[in-house]
Amino acid sequence: MRGKRERSAVNATALSFVVIAAVIHAGWNLAAKRIRRGGARFVWAYYSLSAILLVPVMAVSLAVEPQRPQWTWLFAAVVTAVFHVTYGIVLQRGYAVGDLSVVYPVARGTGPLISVLAAVVLLGERPGILGLVGAFLVVAGVLVIGTGRAPAHADAADRVARRKGLFYGLLTGLTIAAYTLWDAHSVTGLGVPPIVYFGTGAIVQSLLMAPYALKDREEISWLWREHKREVVIVGVFSPVAYLLVLYALQIAPVSLVAPARELSIVLGGIAAWLVLGEANAFRRLAGSVVVLAGIAAIAMA
């Protein structure tokens, strides 16, 4: 009985981290959607800013960390950097060709579905019936929000853009599942401290993209001049949101954390409707109710 109460308390703490992260995540994705030009260079710019901000924090973390740094930490960070670079580029490409209300929920929905299935099959996690029901409710709600028939008045270009948005949303979801599972393994199985892990990953991400990004310095100058606010918002809040998720992964299973993160799609869908003026509000809100039901089921699991 005591063990069950302690587990419930841990899950509640993890969920509080994840809910805060979801709010922040929806906010920075709204900022990223506003970038119509820049693509991979925009991704490099905010990764580089994140790396610069995280270096002193990472240095303090290493100084107080009881464990000595290990080569496995660097290996883990390089792998996650490759996954995150792929994620950032694919996501930004999706935002360039599709609506936020299509790309974002499809990406956030397919990611946890694959993560939960892989966590059960490969990692041996057993989230329980209620947890699994909650996970699939989250995914079902996301798909209700992000899919559906295009409006009758939509022209051919709108339909093509919708299909491209769905494609890039699905591709982004695959990268989300990949880095979620790897990151869970890194901070639990390999024992890499989250701040050191994410900070090192950000540095590697910036270095990996630098040769391409710096080919056109005029484009970088334009990007900073015209979209400084968006670069700062994403560069600051993206790591904050994900660090909260990494800490949640240290104390709760992937099969709980990955689906619960998807509360952000409710906020992202509402923002797409109210801020960007995207359509299909009723279907989006109906899907949000399903998502919230799933979050509630996960919290009670």
C-alpha atoms as a PDB file:
ATOM      1  CA  MET A   1       0.000   0.000   0.000  1.00  0.00           C
ATOM      2  CA  ARG A   2       2.787   2.366   0.979  1.00  0.00           C
ATOM      3  CA  GLY A   3       4.691   1.502  -2.198  1.00  0.00           C
ATOM      4  CA  LYS A   4       1.628   2.302  -4.303  1.00  0.00           C
ATOM      5  CA  ARG A   5       1.210   5.691  -2.585  1.00  0.00           C
ATOM      6  CA  GLU A   6       4.883   6.514  -3.122  1.00  0.00           C
ATOM      7  CA  ARG A   7       4.627   5.516  -6.774  1.00  0.00           C
ATOM      8  CA  SER A   8       1.544   7.694  -7.194  1.00  0.00           C
ATOM      9  CA  ALA A   9       3.372  10.647  -5.617  1.00  0.00           C
ATOM     10  CA  VAL A  10       6.333  10.159  -7.957  1.00  0.00           C
ATOM     11  CA  ASN A  11       4.016   9.942 -10.966  1.00  0.00           C
ATOM     12  CA  ALA A  12       2.221  13.121  -9.848  1.00  0.00           C
ATOM     13  CA  THR A  13       5.557  14.966  -9.611  1.00  0.00           C
ATOM     14  CA  ALA A  14       6.598  13.728 -13.032  1.00  0.00           C
ATOM     15  CA  LEU A  15       3.254  14.779 -14.499  1.00  0.00           C
ATOM     16  CA  SER A  16       3.601  18.274 -13.026  1.00  0.00           C
ATOM     17  CA  PHE A  17       6.985  18.605 -14.767  1.00  0.00           C
ATOM     18  CA  VAL A  18       5.475  17.369 -18.010  1.00  0.00           C
ATOM     19  CA  VAL A  19       2.444  19.697 -17.877  1.00  0.00           C
ATOM     20  CA  ILE A  20       4.687  22.739 -17.374  1.00  0.00           C
ATOM     21  CA  ALA A  21       6.881  21.517 -20.221  1.00  0.00           C
ATOM     22  CA  ALA A  22       3.798  21.135 -22.438  1.00  0.00           C
ATOM     23  CA  VAL A  23       2.806  24.775 -21.937  1.00  0.00           C
ATOM     24  CA  ILE A  24       6.320  25.957 -22.772  1.00  0.00           C
ATOM     25  CA  HIS A  25       6.577  23.575 -25.733  1.00  0.00           C
ATOM     26  CA  ALA A  26       3.390  24.852 -27.358  1.00  0.00           C
ATOM     27  CA  GLY A  27       4.657  28.411 -26.965  1.00  0.00           C
ATOM     28  CA  TRP A  28       7.983  27.888 -28.661  1.00  0.00           C
ATOM     29  CA  ASN A  29       6.407  25.921 -31.514  1.00  0.00           C
ATOM     30  CA  LEU A  30       4.059  28.841 -32.160  1.00  0.00           C
ATOM     31  CA  ALA A  31       7.140  31.062 -32.436  1.00  0.00           C
ATOM     32  CA  ALA A  32       8.874  28.563 -34.761  1.00  0.00           C
ATOM     33  CA  LYS A  33       5.820  28.435 -37.034  1.00  0.00           C
ATOM     34  CA  ARG A  34       6.215  32.167 -37.710  1.00  0.00           C
ATOM     35  CA  ILE A  35       9.505  31.525 -39.517  1.00  0.00           C
ATOM     36  CA  ARG A  36       8.763  31.269 -43.231  1.00  0.00           C
ATOM     37  CA  ARG A  37      12.371  31.482 -44.336  1.00  0.00           C
ATOM     38  CA  GLY A  38      15.554  30.155 -42.820  1.00  0.00           C
ATOM     39  CA  GLY A  39      14.778  26.460 -42.348  1.00  0.00           C
ATOM     40  CA  ALA A  40      17.862  24.593 -41.173  1.00  0.00           C
ATOM     41  CA  ARG A  41      19.722  27.848 -40.444  1.00  0.00           C
ATOM     42  CA  PHE A  42      16.993  28.868 -38.024  1.00  0.00           C
ATOM     43  CA  VAL A  43      17.369  25.460 -36.344  1.00  0.00           C
ATOM     44  CA  TRP A  44      21.136  26.001 -36.097  1.00  0.00           C
ATOM     45  CA  ALA A  45      20.635  29.500 -34.662  1.00  0.00           C
ATOM     46  CA  TYR A  46      18.424  28.406 -31.793  1.00  0.00           C
ATOM     47  CA  TYR A  47      20.491  25.275 -31.088  1.00  0.00           C
ATOM     48  CA  SER A  48      23.598  27.472 -30.883  1.00  0.00           C
ATOM     49  CA  LEU A  49      21.904  29.933 -28.541  1.00  0.00           C
ATOM     50  CA  SER A  50      20.771  27.030 -26.345  1.00  0.00           C
ATOM     51  CA  ALA A  51      24.329  25.684 -26.257  1.00  0.00           C
ATOM     52  CA  ILE A  52      25.777  29.061 -25.239  1.00  0.00           C
ATOM     53  CA  LEU A  53      23.224  29.450 -22.437  1.00  0.00           C
ATOM     54  CA  LEU A  54      23.704  25.894 -21.184  1.00  0.00           C
ATOM     55  CA  VAL A  55      27.527  25.877 -21.021  1.00  0.00           C
ATOM     56  CA  PRO A  56      27.803  27.671 -17.626  1.00  0.00           C
ATOM     57  CA  VAL A  57      24.880  25.686 -16.205  1.00  0.00           C
ATOM     58  CA  MET A  58      26.503  22.475 -17.392  1.00  0.00           C
ATOM     59  CA  ALA A  59      29.862  23.511 -15.855  1.00  0.00           C
ATOM     60  CA  VAL A  60      28.217  24.021 -12.451  1.00  0.00           C
ATOM     61  CA  SER A  61      26.388  20.712 -12.779  1.00  0.00           C
ATOM     62  CA  LEU A  62      29.656  18.886 -13.533  1.00  0.00           C
ATOM     63  CA  ALA A  63      31.357  20.573 -10.574  1.00  0.00           C
ATOM     64  CA  VAL A  64      28.737  19.354  -8.097  1.00  0.00           C
ATOM     65  CA  GLU A  65      28.048  16.009  -9.781  1.00  0.00           C
ATOM     66  CA  PRO A  66      29.336  13.165  -7.571  1.00  0.00           C
ATOM     67  CA  GLN A  67      30.050  10.974 -10.610  1.00  0.00           C
ATOM     68  CA  ARG A  68      33.089  11.566 -12.784  1.00  0.00           C
ATOM     69  CA  PRO A  69      32.305  12.259 -16.453  1.00  0.00           C
ATOM     70  CA  GLN A  70      32.403   9.142 -18.621  1.00  0.00           C
ATOM     71  CA  TRP A  71      32.893   8.559 -22.315  1.00  0.00           C
ATOM     72  CA  THR A  72      29.464   6.937 -22.482  1.00  0.00           C
ATOM     73  CA  TRP A  73      27.973  10.345 -21.618  1.00  0.00           C
ATOM     74  CA  LEU A  74      29.555  11.869 -24.722  1.00  0.00           C
ATOM     75  CA  PHE A  75      28.426   8.954 -26.883  1.00  0.00           C
ATOM     76  CA  ALA A  76      24.859   9.314 -25.599  1.00  0.00           C
ATOM     77  CA  ALA A  77      24.903  13.061 -26.306  1.00  0.00           C
ATOM     78  CA  VAL A  78      26.179  12.559 -29.877  1.00  0.00           C
ATOM     79  CA  VAL A  79      23.398  10.080 -30.650  1.00  0.00           C
ATOM     80  CA  THR A  80      20.689  12.368 -29.259  1.00  0.00           C
ATOM     81  CA  ALA A  81      22.209  15.294 -31.167  1.00  0.00           C
ATOM     82  CA  VAL A  82      21.787  13.418 -34.463  1.00  0.00           C
ATOM     83  CA  PHE A  83      18.164  12.612 -33.608  1.00  0.00           C
ATOM     84  CA  HIS A  84      17.440  16.198 -32.550  1.00  0.00           C
ATOM     85  CA  VAL A  85      19.054  17.748 -35.626  1.00  0.00           C
ATOM     86  CA  THR A  86      16.889  15.514 -37.803  1.00  0.00           C
ATOM     87  CA  TYR A  87      13.850  16.436 -35.720  1.00  0.00           C
ATOM     88  CA  GLY A  88      14.510  20.168 -35.926  1.00  0.00           C
ATOM     89  CA  ILE A  89      15.031  20.203 -39.693  1.00  0.00           C
ATOM     90  CA  VAL A  90      12.016  18.006 -40.465  1.00  0.00           C
ATOM     91  CA  LEU A  91       9.762  19.979 -38.115  1.00  0.00           C
ATOM     92  CA  GLN A  92      10.782  23.320 -39.600  1.00  0.00           C
ATOM     93  CA  ARG A  93      10.234  21.972 -43.102  1.00  0.00           C
ATOM     94  CA  GLY A  94       6.769  20.858 -42.056  1.00  0.00           C
ATOM     95  CA  TYR A  95       5.963  24.322 -40.729  1.00  0.00           C
ATOM     96  CA  ALA A  96       7.121  25.841 -44.027  1.00  0.00           C
ATOM     97  CA  VAL A  97       4.675  23.769 -46.103  1.00  0.00           C
ATOM     98  CA  GLY A  98       1.791  22.993 -43.719  1.00  0.00           C
ATOM     99  CA  ASP A  99      -0.416  24.421 -40.968  1.00  0.00           C
ATOM    100  CA  LEU A 100       0.569  24.356 -37.310  1.00  0.00           C
ATOM    101  CA  SER A 101      -2.775  22.671 -36.532  1.00  0.00           C
ATOM    102  CA  VAL A 102      -1.840  19.762 -38.847  1.00  0.00           C
ATOM    103  CA  VAL A 103       1.932  19.305 -38.442  1.00  0.00           C
ATOM    104  CA  TYR A 104       2.112  19.823 -34.675  1.00  0.00           C
ATOM    105  CA  PRO A 105      -0.628  17.437 -33.493  1.00  0.00           C
ATOM    106  CA  VAL A 106       0.255  14.693 -35.981  1.00  0.00           C
ATOM    107  CA  ALA A 107       3.916  14.892 -34.924  1.00  0.00           C
ATOM    108  CA  ARG A 108       3.077  14.918 -31.233  1.00  0.00           C
ATOM    109  CA  GLY A 109       0.559  12.100 -31.671  1.00  0.00           C
ATOM    110  CA  THR A 110       2.558   9.559 -33.642  1.00  0.00           C
ATOM    111  CA  GLY A 111       5.622  10.112 -31.431  1.00  0.00           C
ATOM    112  CA  PRO A 112       4.075   8.860 -28.170  1.00  0.00           C
ATOM    113  CA  LEU A 113       2.214   6.033 -29.892  1.00  0.00           C
ATOM    114  CA  ILE A 114       5.496   4.600 -31.179  1.00  0.00           C
ATOM    115  CA  SER A 115       7.231   5.396 -27.853  1.00  0.00           C
ATOM    116  CA  VAL A 116       4.636   3.573 -25.763  1.00  0.00           C
ATOM    117  CA  LEU A 117       4.622   0.522 -28.023  1.00  0.00           C
ATOM    118  CA  ALA A 118       8.416   0.391 -28.074  1.00  0.00           C
ATOM    119  CA  ALA A 119       8.640   0.896 -24.298  1.00  0.00           C
ATOM    120  CA  VAL A 120       6.318  -2.068 -23.782  1.00  0.00           C
ATOM    121  CA  VAL A 121       7.887  -4.337 -26.426  1.00  0.00           C
ATOM    122  CA  LEU A 122      11.577  -3.444 -26.126  1.00  0.00           C
ATOM    123  CA  LEU A 123      12.021  -2.077 -22.602  1.00  0.00           C
ATOM    124  CA  GLY A 124       9.603  -4.386 -20.829  1.00  0.00           C
ATOM    125  CA  GLU A 125       7.599  -1.559 -19.218  1.00  0.00           C
ATOM    126  CA  ARG A 126       4.110  -2.402 -17.992  1.00  0.00           C
ATOM    127  CA  PRO A 127       2.067   0.806 -17.631  1.00  0.00           C
ATOM    128  CA  GLY A 128      -1.177  -1.005 -16.734  1.00  0.00           C
ATOM    129  CA  ILE A 129      -4.506  -1.114 -18.540  1.00  0.00           C
ATOM    130  CA  LEU A 130      -5.590   2.365 -17.475  1.00  0.00           C
ATOM    131  CA  GLY A 131      -2.272   3.853 -18.524  1.00  0.00           C
ATOM    132  CA  LEU A 132      -2.459   2.220 -21.936  1.00  0.00           C
ATOM    133  CA  VAL A 133      -6.073   3.339 -22.383  1.00  0.00           C
ATOM    134  CA  GLY A 134      -4.966   6.873 -21.514  1.00  0.00           C
ATOM    135  CA  ALA A 135      -2.077   6.705 -23.968  1.00  0.00           C
ATOM    136  CA  PHE A 136      -4.314   5.637 -26.813  1.00  0.00           C
ATOM    137  CA  LEU A 137      -6.939   8.254 -25.900  1.00  0.00           C
ATOM    138  CA  VAL A 138      -4.211  10.888 -26.156  1.00  0.00           C
ATOM    139  CA  VAL A 139      -3.169   9.580 -29.549  1.00  0.00           C
ATOM    140  CA  ALA A 140      -6.790   9.332 -30.750  1.00  0.00           C
ATOM    141  CA  GLY A 141      -7.457  12.912 -29.688  1.00  0.00           C
ATOM    142  CA  VAL A 142      -4.328  14.140 -31.433  1.00  0.00           C
ATOM    143  CA  LEU A 143      -5.367  12.428 -34.653  1.00  0.00           C
ATOM    144  CA  VAL A 144      -8.881  13.902 -34.436  1.00  0.00           C
ATOM    145  CA  ILE A 145      -7.303  17.349 -34.159  1.00  0.00           C
ATOM    146  CA  GLY A 146      -4.746  16.881 -36.905  1.00  0.00           C
ATOM    147  CA  THR A 147      -6.655  14.896 -39.511  1.00  0.00           C
ATOM    148  CA  GLY A 148     -10.068  14.918 -41.120  1.00  0.00           C
ATOM    149  CA  ARG A 149     -11.530  15.936 -44.437  1.00  0.00           C
ATOM    150  CA  ALA A 150     -10.377  19.221 -45.930  1.00  0.00           C
ATOM    151  CA  PRO A 151     -13.004  21.987 -46.190  1.00  0.00           C
ATOM    152  CA  ALA A 152     -15.152  21.873 -49.353  1.00  0.00           C
ATOM    153  CA  HIS A 153     -13.912  25.294 -50.458  1.00  0.00           C
ATOM    154  CA  ALA A 154     -10.252  24.278 -50.232  1.00  0.00           C
ATOM    155  CA  ASP A 155      -8.420  24.541 -53.542  1.00  0.00           C
ATOM    156  CA  ALA A 156      -5.851  22.103 -54.942  1.00  0.00           C
ATOM    157  CA  ALA A 157      -2.953  23.974 -53.352  1.00  0.00           C
ATOM    158  CA  ASP A 158      -4.620  23.771 -49.919  1.00  0.00           C
ATOM    159  CA  ARG A 159      -5.102  20.032 -50.286  1.00  0.00           C
ATOM    160  CA  VAL A 160      -1.494  19.490 -51.354  1.00  0.00           C
ATOM    161  CA  ALA A 161      -0.294  21.594 -48.403  1.00  0.00           C
ATOM    162  CA  ARG A 162      -2.445  19.508 -46.071  1.00  0.00           C
ATOM    163  CA  ARG A 163      -0.988  16.247 -47.409  1.00  0.00           C
ATOM    164  CA  LYS A 164       2.551  17.617 -47.056  1.00  0.00           C
ATOM    165  CA  GLY A 165       1.750  18.719 -43.506  1.00  0.00           C
ATOM    166  CA  LEU A 166       0.530  15.234 -42.645  1.00  0.00           C
ATOM    167  CA  PHE A 167       3.631  13.662 -44.199  1.00  0.00           C
ATOM    168  CA  TYR A 168       6.082  15.890 -42.336  1.00  0.00           C
ATOM    169  CA  GLY A 169       4.047  15.546 -39.156  1.00  0.00           C
ATOM    170  CA  LEU A 170       4.372  11.761 -39.348  1.00  0.00           C
ATOM    171  CA  LEU A 171       8.081  11.981 -40.154  1.00  0.00           C
ATOM    172  CA  THR A 172       8.601  14.334 -37.212  1.00  0.00           C
ATOM    173  CA  GLY A 173       6.705  11.897 -34.990  1.00  0.00           C
ATOM    174  CA  LEU A 174       9.159   9.141 -35.892  1.00  0.00           C
ATOM    175  CA  THR A 175      12.099  11.319 -34.872  1.00  0.00           C
ATOM    176  CA  ILE A 176      10.312  12.227 -31.617  1.00  0.00           C
ATOM    177  CA  ALA A 177       9.874   8.540 -30.796  1.00  0.00           C
ATOM    178  CA  ALA A 178      13.543   7.885 -31.576  1.00  0.00           C
ATOM    179  CA  TYR A 179      14.957  10.609 -29.338  1.00  0.00           C
ATOM    180  CA  THR A 180      12.407   9.984 -26.556  1.00  0.00           C
ATOM    181  CA  LEU A 181      13.395   6.326 -26.245  1.00  0.00           C
ATOM    182  CA  TRP A 182      17.115   7.046 -26.532  1.00  0.00           C
ATOM    183  CA  ASP A 183      16.960   9.888 -24.010  1.00  0.00           C
ATOM    184  CA  ALA A 184      15.054   7.715 -21.534  1.00  0.00           C
ATOM    185  CA  HIS A 185      17.772   5.067 -21.876  1.00  0.00           C
ATOM    186  CA  SER A 186      20.528   7.679 -21.483  1.00  0.00           C
ATOM    187  CA  VAL A 187      19.268   9.342 -18.287  1.00  0.00           C
ATOM    188  CA  THR A 188      18.199   6.058 -16.667  1.00  0.00           C
ATOM    189  CA  GLY A 189      20.179   3.127 -18.103  1.00  0.00           C
ATOM    190  CA  LEU A 190      23.405   5.069 -18.712  1.00  0.00           C
ATOM    191  CA  GLY A 191      22.892   7.430 -15.775  1.00  0.00           C
ATOM    192  CA  VAL A 192      23.802  10.627 -17.653  1.00  0.00           C
ATOM    193  CA  PRO A 193      22.844  13.752 -15.620  1.00  0.00           C
ATOM    194  CA  PRO A 194      20.088  15.570 -17.592  1.00  0.00           C
ATOM    195  CA  ILE A 195      21.736  19.006 -17.671  1.00  0.00           C
ATOM    196  CA  VAL A 196      25.095  17.587 -18.759  1.00  0.00           C
ATOM    197  CA  TYR A 197      23.341  15.385 -21.299  1.00  0.00           C
ATOM    198  CA  PHE A 198      21.221  18.112 -22.847  1.00  0.00           C
ATOM    199  CA  GLY A 199      23.982  20.732 -22.739  1.00  0.00           C
ATOM    200  CA  THR A 200      26.501  18.466 -24.453  1.00  0.00           C
ATOM    201  CA  GLY A 201      23.857  17.459 -26.981  1.00  0.00           C
ATOM    202  CA  ALA A 202      23.133  21.124 -27.781  1.00  0.00           C
ATOM    203  CA  ILE A 203      26.835  21.818 -28.370  1.00  0.00           C
ATOM    204  CA  VAL A 204      27.141  18.806 -30.689  1.00  0.00           C
ATOM    205  CA  GLN A 205      23.954  19.828 -32.526  1.00  0.00           C
ATOM    206  CA  SER A 206      25.365  23.288 -33.189  1.00  0.00           C
ATOM    207  CA  LEU A 207      28.707  21.867 -34.380  1.00  0.00           C
ATOM    208  CA  LEU A 208      27.028  19.336 -36.678  1.00  0.00           C
ATOM    209  CA  MET A 209      25.025  22.029 -38.433  1.00  0.00           C
ATOM    210  CA  ALA A 210      27.655  24.783 -38.463  1.00  0.00           C
ATOM    211  CA  PRO A 211      29.339  23.848 -41.804  1.00  0.00           C
ATOM    212  CA  TYR A 212      26.014  24.189 -43.639  1.00  0.00           C
ATOM    213  CA  ALA A 213      24.652  27.149 -41.681  1.00  0.00           C
ATOM    214  CA  LEU A 214      27.763  29.295 -42.019  1.00  0.00           C
ATOM    215  CA  LYS A 215      27.964  28.895 -45.797  1.00  0.00           C
ATOM    216  CA  ASP A 216      25.609  31.853 -46.118  1.00  0.00           C
ATOM    217  CA  ARG A 217      26.485  34.442 -43.487  1.00  0.00           C
ATOM    218  CA  GLU A 218      24.190  37.000 -45.064  1.00  0.00           C
ATOM    219  CA  GLU A 219      21.244  34.675 -44.479  1.00  0.00           C
ATOM    220  CA  ILE A 220      22.281  34.255 -40.841  1.00  0.00           C
ATOM    221  CA  SER A 221      22.519  38.042 -40.442  1.00  0.00           C
ATOM    222  CA  TRP A 222      19.080  38.495 -41.997  1.00  0.00           C
ATOM    223  CA  LEU A 223      17.621  35.787 -39.788  1.00  0.00           C
ATOM    224  CA  TRP A 224      18.954  37.387 -36.617  1.00  0.00           C
ATOM    225  CA  ARG A 225      17.913  40.866 -37.726  1.00  0.00           C
ATOM    226  CA  GLU A 226      14.359  39.918 -38.715  1.00  0.00           C
ATOM    227  CA  HIS A 227      13.617  37.052 -36.328  1.00  0.00           C
ATOM    228  CA  LYS A 228      15.750  37.699 -33.265  1.00  0.00           C
ATOM    229  CA  ARG A 229      12.724  37.322 -30.983  1.00  0.00           C
ATOM    230  CA  GLU A 230      11.795  33.896 -32.387  1.00  0.00           C
ATOM    231  CA  VAL A 231      15.405  32.648 -32.157  1.00  0.00           C
ATOM    232  CA  VAL A 232      15.590  33.734 -28.508  1.00  0.00           C
ATOM    233  CA  ILE A 233      12.179  32.281 -27.605  1.00  0.00           C
ATOM    234  CA  VAL A 234      12.982  28.872 -29.100  1.00  0.00           C
ATOM    235  CA  GLY A 235      16.622  28.891 -27.967  1.00  0.00           C
ATOM    236  CA  VAL A 236      15.670  29.606 -24.350  1.00  0.00           C
ATOM    237  CA  PHE A 237      12.390  27.777 -23.875  1.00  0.00           C
ATOM    238  CA  SER A 238      13.077  24.640 -25.918  1.00  0.00           C
ATOM    239  CA  PRO A 239      15.803  23.418 -23.516  1.00  0.00           C
ATOM    240  CA  VAL A 240      13.755  24.403 -20.451  1.00  0.00           C
ATOM    241  CA  ALA A 241      10.814  22.332 -21.677  1.00  0.00           C
ATOM    242  CA  TYR A 242      12.924  19.332 -22.553  1.00  0.00           C
ATOM    243  CA  LEU A 243      14.976  19.383 -19.360  1.00  0.00           C
ATOM    244  CA  LEU A 244      11.715  19.124 -17.436  1.00  0.00           C
ATOM    245  CA  VAL A 245      10.861  16.077 -19.543  1.00  0.00           C
ATOM    246  CA  LEU A 246      14.282  14.496 -18.901  1.00  0.00           C
ATOM    247  CA  TYR A 247      13.852  14.908 -15.150  1.00  0.00           C
ATOM    248  CA  ALA A 248      10.393  13.362 -15.461  1.00  0.00           C
ATOM    249  CA  LEU A 249      11.907  10.415 -17.356  1.00  0.00           C
ATOM    250  CA  GLN A 250      14.315   9.842 -14.455  1.00  0.00           C
ATOM    251  CA  ILE A 251      11.458   9.176 -12.027  1.00  0.00           C
ATOM    252  CA  ALA A 252       8.627   7.842 -14.204  1.00  0.00           C
ATOM    253  CA  PRO A 253       8.378   5.349 -17.105  1.00  0.00           C
ATOM    254  CA  VAL A 254       8.480   6.378 -20.756  1.00  0.00           C
ATOM    255  CA  SER A 255       4.992   4.962 -21.254  1.00  0.00           C
ATOM    256  CA  LEU A 256       3.637   7.581 -18.841  1.00  0.00           C
ATOM    257  CA  VAL A 257       5.794  10.587 -19.719  1.00  0.00           C
ATOM    258  CA  ALA A 258       5.659  10.371 -23.535  1.00  0.00           C
ATOM    259  CA  PRO A 259       1.845  10.472 -23.875  1.00  0.00           C
ATOM    260  CA  ALA A 260       1.353  13.042 -21.087  1.00  0.00           C
ATOM    261  CA  ARG A 261       3.567  15.507 -22.961  1.00  0.00           C
ATOM    262  CA  GLU A 262       0.861  15.725 -25.587  1.00  0.00           C
ATOM    263  CA  LEU A 263      -1.202  18.136 -23.529  1.00  0.00           C
ATOM    264  CA  SER A 264       0.790  20.671 -25.532  1.00  0.00           C
ATOM    265  CA  ILE A 265      -1.200  19.865 -28.670  1.00  0.00           C
ATOM    266  CA  VAL A 266      -4.369  21.137 -27.008  1.00  0.00           C
ATOM    267  CA  LEU A 267      -2.653  24.456 -26.361  1.00  0.00           C
ATOM    268  CA  GLY A 268      -1.020  24.442 -29.791  1.00  0.00           C
ATOM    269  CA  GLY A 269      -4.350  23.759 -31.492  1.00  0.00           C
ATOM    270  CA  ILE A 270      -6.060  26.603 -29.635  1.00  0.00           C
ATOM    271  CA  ALA A 271      -3.149  28.937 -30.453  1.00  0.00           C
ATOM    272  CA  ALA A 272      -3.343  27.954 -34.135  1.00  0.00           C
ATOM    273  CA  TRP A 273      -7.039  28.881 -34.103  1.00  0.00           C
ATOM    274  CA  LEU A 274      -6.900  32.084 -32.033  1.00  0.00           C
ATOM    275  CA  VAL A 275      -3.482  33.482 -32.999  1.00  0.00           C
ATOM    276  CA  LEU A 276      -2.929  32.185 -36.534  1.00  0.00           C
ATOM    277  CA  GLY A 277      -6.603  32.021 -37.583  1.00  0.00           C
ATOM    278  CA  GLU A 278      -6.469  28.413 -38.750  1.00  0.00           C
ATOM    279  CA  ALA A 279      -9.808  26.704 -39.351  1.00  0.00           C
ATOM    280  CA  ASN A 280     -11.694  23.597 -38.102  1.00  0.00           C
ATOM    281  CA  ALA A 281     -11.998  24.841 -34.509  1.00  0.00           C
ATOM    282  CA  PHE A 282     -14.833  22.471 -33.537  1.00  0.00           C
ATOM    283  CA  ARG A 283     -12.925  19.314 -34.509  1.00  0.00           C
ATOM    284  CA  ARG A 284      -9.829  20.654 -32.790  1.00  0.00           C
ATOM    285  CA  LEU A 285     -11.692  21.288 -29.527  1.00  0.00           C
ATOM    286  CA  ALA A 286     -13.413  17.881 -29.710  1.00  0.00           C
ATOM    287  CA  GLY A 287     -10.019  16.243 -30.042  1.00  0.00           C
ATOM    288  CA  SER A 288      -8.784  18.297 -27.096  1.00  0.00           C
ATOM    289  CA  VAL A 289     -11.492  16.778 -24.873  1.00  0.00           C
ATOM    290  CA  VAL A 290     -10.303  13.291 -25.858  1.00  0.00           C
ATOM    291  CA  VAL A 291      -6.692  14.262 -25.118  1.00  0.00           C
ATOM    292  CA  LEU A 292      -7.606  15.604 -21.683  1.00  0.00           C
ATOM    293  CA  ALA A 293      -9.477  12.361 -20.940  1.00  0.00           C
ATOM    294  CA  GLY A 294      -6.320  10.471 -21.843  1.00  0.00           C
ATOM    295  CA  ILE A 295      -4.181  12.673 -19.589  1.00  0.00           C
ATOM    296  CA  ALA A 296      -6.608  12.027 -16.714  1.00  0.00           C
ATOM    297  CA  ALA A 297      -6.426   8.252 -17.288  1.00  0.00           C
ATOM    298  CA  ILE A 298      -2.625   8.350 -17.296  1.00  0.00           C
ATOM    299  CA  ALA A 299      -2.593  10.365 -14.060  1.00  0.00           C
ATOM    300  CA  MET A 300      -4.801   7.743 -12.348  1.00  0.00           C
ATOM    301  CA  ALA A 301      -2.808   4.759 -13.620  1.00  0.00           C
END
